[in-house]
Amino acid sequence: MLIKNRYNGKNKEEAINNAKIALQELEENLYIKEIEVKSGLFNKKVEIEVIRKDDVIEYIKEYIKELIHNMGLSCNLEVKKRENGINITVISDNNSILIGKNGKTLEAITLVVKQMIHNEIGEYFPFVLDIGEYKLAREQKLESLAKKTAREVAYTKIPAKLDPMNSYERRIIHTILAENKKVTTESEGEEPNRCVVIKPKEEE
């Protein structure tokens, strides 16, 4: 169960300060939502709901473990904090089941967790979920594919359409080639067949 704390003050700023003191946390480590403002005859009181980001991380870990347990598997989790979120790597007794064909099951699990967290805290919580470093290996393959295809397009001046990919994988291709001086990228088509097209840049 996600721990949610409530604090109040004469105004929102005072309520937040009370929360920071009680939880001994910086404001940047908290999710804060204004619950209600109560106005009396001579005074006003603001109440806020506060969730620690560390508690969100623990909740995500427990939720993923329960989700995988309900699939009949056991697992261990490795969590690494990064500047704008966390990376979670799952190691199970059957990684292939959790990854699924072309990563479809992993994609579905990620979507379920994202929606669950959004329902709880009311906003997007940045995290990357991986199963047995599948995404890491996939990213390396995509990087190799992007650079190889870009070289071919730059040489032949003929656009190349890559196989359909999910939004996460398409973003990797776009990012890798963003600074390339000879080619440009764009996404075309409709889900689930949306793909990246690598095109030669027009010479100035």
Protein backbone atom coordinates (compact mmCIF):
# COMPACT_ATOMS: atom_id res chain seq x y z
CA MET A 1 0.00 0.00 0.00
CA LEU A 2 1.36 3.42 -0.98
CA ILE A 3 1.90 5.68 2.03
CA LYS A 4 0.07 9.00 1.67
CA ASN A 5 0.52 11.73 4.27
CA ARG A 6 -1.67 14.77 4.93
CA TYR A 7 -0.52 18.13 6.29
CA ASN A 8 -2.13 21.51 6.65
CA GLY A 9 -1.24 25.14 7.15
CA LYS A 10 -2.55 28.67 6.84
CA ASN A 11 -1.53 28.54 3.18
CA LYS A 12 -0.02 25.97 0.79
CA GLU A 13 3.54 27.13 1.45
CA GLU A 14 3.15 26.61 5.19
CA ALA A 15 1.56 23.20 4.64
CA ILE A 16 4.49 22.17 2.43
CA ASN A 17 7.01 23.39 5.01
CA ASN A 18 5.21 21.35 7.68
CA ALA A 19 5.44 18.29 5.41
CA LYS A 20 9.17 18.83 4.75
CA ILE A 21 9.89 19.12 8.47
CA ALA A 22 7.80 16.09 9.42
CA LEU A 23 9.19 13.86 6.66
CA GLN A 24 12.71 15.37 6.74
CA GLU A 25 12.71 15.59 2.96
CA LEU A 26 13.43 18.25 0.35
CA GLU A 27 10.42 19.42 -1.65
CA GLU A 28 11.95 17.96 -4.85
CA ASN A 29 11.66 14.49 -3.27
CA LEU A 30 7.93 14.81 -2.68
CA TYR A 31 4.73 14.60 -4.71
CA ILE A 32 2.36 17.26 -3.41
CA LYS A 33 -1.32 17.60 -4.18
CA GLU A 34 -3.64 20.20 -2.70
CA ILE A 35 -6.66 18.44 -1.19
CA GLU A 36 -8.87 21.25 0.01
CA VAL A 37 -9.02 24.75 1.38
CA LYS A 38 -11.16 25.28 4.48
CA SER A 39 -12.18 28.85 5.23
CA GLY A 40 -13.50 29.80 8.63
CA LEU A 41 -14.87 33.12 9.74
CA PHE A 42 -11.45 34.49 10.68
CA ASN A 43 -8.96 31.99 9.26
CA LYS A 44 -8.20 29.74 6.32
CA LYS A 45 -6.60 26.29 6.32
CA VAL A 46 -5.01 24.52 3.36
CA GLU A 47 -4.66 20.72 3.41
CA ILE A 48 -2.26 18.83 1.13
CA GLU A 49 -1.55 15.18 0.35
CA VAL A 50 2.15 14.31 0.24
CA ILE A 51 3.88 11.19 -1.09
CA ARG A 52 7.62 10.55 -0.78
CA LYS A 53 9.30 9.55 -4.05
CA ASP A 54 11.21 6.81 -2.20
CA ASP A 55 7.86 5.37 -1.10
CA VAL A 56 6.69 5.38 -4.74
CA ILE A 57 9.79 3.40 -5.71
CA GLU A 58 9.14 0.82 -2.98
CA TYR A 59 5.51 0.58 -4.06
CA ILE A 60 6.53 -0.01 -7.69
CA LYS A 61 8.93 -2.77 -6.61
CA GLU A 62 6.27 -4.55 -4.56
CA TYR A 63 3.68 -4.15 -7.32
CA ILE A 64 6.00 -5.65 -9.95
CA LYS A 65 6.91 -8.56 -7.66
CA GLU A 66 3.22 -9.29 -7.01
CA LEU A 67 2.40 -8.99 -10.71
CA ILE A 68 5.12 -11.48 -11.67
CA HIS A 69 4.20 -13.79 -8.78
CA ASN A 70 0.64 -13.88 -10.10
CA MET A 71 2.09 -15.03 -13.42
CA GLY A 72 3.52 -18.06 -11.60
CA LEU A 73 7.11 -16.79 -11.55
CA SER A 74 9.52 -15.56 -8.91
CA CYS A 75 11.99 -12.71 -9.40
CA ASN A 76 14.59 -10.38 -7.98
CA LEU A 77 14.74 -6.66 -8.72
CA GLU A 78 17.69 -4.36 -9.16
CA VAL A 79 16.85 -0.65 -8.89
CA LYS A 80 19.19 2.15 -9.92
CA LYS A 81 18.31 5.78 -9.35
CA ARG A 82 19.12 8.20 -12.14
CA GLU A 83 18.81 11.95 -12.44
CA ASN A 84 15.31 11.94 -13.91
CA GLY A 85 13.87 8.66 -12.64
CA ILE A 86 14.84 5.06 -11.97
CA ASN A 87 15.92 1.96 -13.89
CA ILE A 88 14.41 -1.34 -12.73
CA THR A 89 15.92 -4.62 -13.94
CA VAL A 90 13.96 -7.82 -13.26
CA ILE A 91 15.78 -11.15 -13.01
CA SER A 92 13.35 -14.07 -12.99
CA ASP A 93 13.45 -17.84 -13.34
CA ASN A 94 11.99 -17.46 -16.84
CA ASN A 95 12.92 -14.13 -18.42
CA SER A 96 11.68 -15.15 -21.86
CA ILE A 97 8.06 -15.40 -20.65
CA LEU A 98 8.22 -11.90 -19.15
CA ILE A 99 9.85 -10.44 -22.26
CA GLY A 100 7.47 -12.07 -24.74
CA LYS A 101 7.76 -12.06 -28.51
CA ASN A 102 9.60 -8.91 -29.61
CA GLY A 103 9.29 -7.57 -26.06
CA LYS A 104 5.48 -7.37 -26.19
CA THR A 105 4.92 -8.79 -22.68
CA LEU A 106 7.55 -6.47 -21.22
CA GLU A 107 5.84 -3.57 -22.97
CA ALA A 108 2.47 -4.61 -21.54
CA ILE A 109 3.84 -4.95 -17.98
CA THR A 110 5.44 -1.50 -18.26
CA LEU A 111 2.13 0.00 -19.41
CA VAL A 112 0.22 -1.60 -16.52
CA VAL A 113 2.74 -0.30 -13.95
CA LYS A 114 2.74 3.20 -15.48
CA GLN A 115 -1.06 3.36 -15.35
CA MET A 116 -1.17 2.07 -11.79
CA ILE A 117 1.31 4.72 -10.60
CA HIS A 118 -0.51 7.48 -12.47
CA ASN A 119 -3.75 6.44 -10.77
CA GLU A 120 -2.06 6.61 -7.37
CA ILE A 121 -0.09 9.87 -7.59
CA GLY A 122 -1.94 11.68 -10.38
CA GLU A 123 1.07 12.18 -12.61
CA TYR A 124 3.71 10.37 -14.64
CA PHE A 125 6.56 8.75 -12.69
CA PRO A 126 9.67 8.31 -14.88
CA PHE A 127 11.08 4.79 -14.85
CA VAL A 128 12.52 2.24 -17.26
CA LEU A 129 11.63 -1.42 -16.75
CA ASP A 130 13.91 -4.11 -18.16
CA ILE A 131 13.89 -7.90 -17.97
CA GLY A 132 17.31 -9.54 -17.74
CA GLU A 133 18.91 -6.60 -19.62
CA TYR A 134 16.79 -7.35 -22.71
CA LYS A 135 16.29 -3.63 -23.38
CA LEU A 136 19.98 -2.94 -22.95
CA ALA A 137 20.87 -5.56 -25.57
CA ARG A 138 18.04 -4.32 -27.80
CA GLU A 139 19.29 -0.73 -27.52
CA GLN A 140 22.77 -1.83 -28.60
CA LYS A 141 21.29 -3.63 -31.64
CA LEU A 142 19.17 -0.59 -32.53
CA GLU A 143 22.20 1.69 -32.26
CA SER A 144 24.16 -0.56 -34.60
CA LEU A 145 21.20 -0.76 -37.03
CA ALA A 146 20.67 3.02 -36.98
CA LYS A 147 24.30 3.87 -37.69
CA LYS A 148 24.68 1.20 -40.41
CA THR A 149 21.46 2.27 -42.17
CA ALA A 150 22.40 5.94 -41.89
CA ARG A 151 25.73 5.26 -43.62
CA GLU A 152 23.91 3.42 -46.45
CA VAL A 153 21.34 6.22 -46.87
CA ALA A 154 24.05 8.90 -46.87
CA TYR A 155 25.92 6.98 -49.58
CA THR A 156 22.99 5.96 -51.83
CA LYS A 157 20.80 9.04 -51.19
CA ILE A 158 17.83 6.60 -51.03
CA PRO A 159 15.51 6.70 -47.95
CA ALA A 160 15.30 3.52 -45.86
CA LYS A 161 12.25 2.37 -43.92
CA LEU A 162 12.99 0.32 -40.78
CA ASP A 163 10.75 -2.43 -39.42
CA PRO A 164 7.78 -1.34 -37.23
CA MET A 165 8.83 -0.45 -33.66
CA ASN A 166 7.16 0.75 -30.49
CA SER A 167 7.50 4.39 -29.42
CA TYR A 168 10.38 3.62 -27.03
CA GLU A 169 12.47 1.98 -29.77
CA ARG A 170 11.64 4.66 -32.33
CA ARG A 171 12.79 7.31 -29.86
CA ILE A 172 16.14 5.50 -29.55
CA ILE A 173 16.66 5.65 -33.33
CA HIS A 174 15.69 9.34 -33.48
CA THR A 175 18.04 10.18 -30.58
CA ILE A 176 21.01 8.26 -31.99
CA LEU A 177 20.77 10.03 -35.36
CA ALA A 178 19.67 13.45 -34.10
CA GLU A 179 23.14 14.96 -34.56
CA ASN A 180 23.91 13.16 -37.83
CA LYS A 181 24.82 15.74 -40.48
CA LYS A 182 23.98 13.55 -43.48
CA VAL A 183 20.59 12.02 -42.63
CA THR A 184 17.32 12.91 -40.90
CA THR A 185 14.64 10.68 -39.34
CA GLU A 186 10.87 10.74 -39.05
CA SER A 187 8.17 8.34 -37.94
CA GLU A 188 5.51 7.22 -40.42
CA GLY A 189 2.42 5.03 -40.36
CA GLU A 190 -0.14 4.10 -37.72
CA GLU A 191 0.28 1.97 -34.60
CA PRO A 192 1.16 -0.87 -34.32
CA ASN A 193 2.90 -0.59 -37.70
CA ARG A 194 4.47 2.82 -37.14
CA CYS A 195 8.12 2.86 -38.20
CA VAL A 196 11.15 5.11 -38.60
CA VAL A 197 12.23 6.31 -42.02
CA ILE A 198 15.83 7.47 -42.43
CA LYS A 199 16.22 10.02 -45.21
CA PRO A 200 19.22 11.80 -46.74
CA LYS A 201 19.53 15.46 -45.84
CA GLU A 202 19.30 17.88 -48.70
CA GLU A 203 22.67 19.36 -49.53
CA GLU A 204 22.90 23.07 -48.90
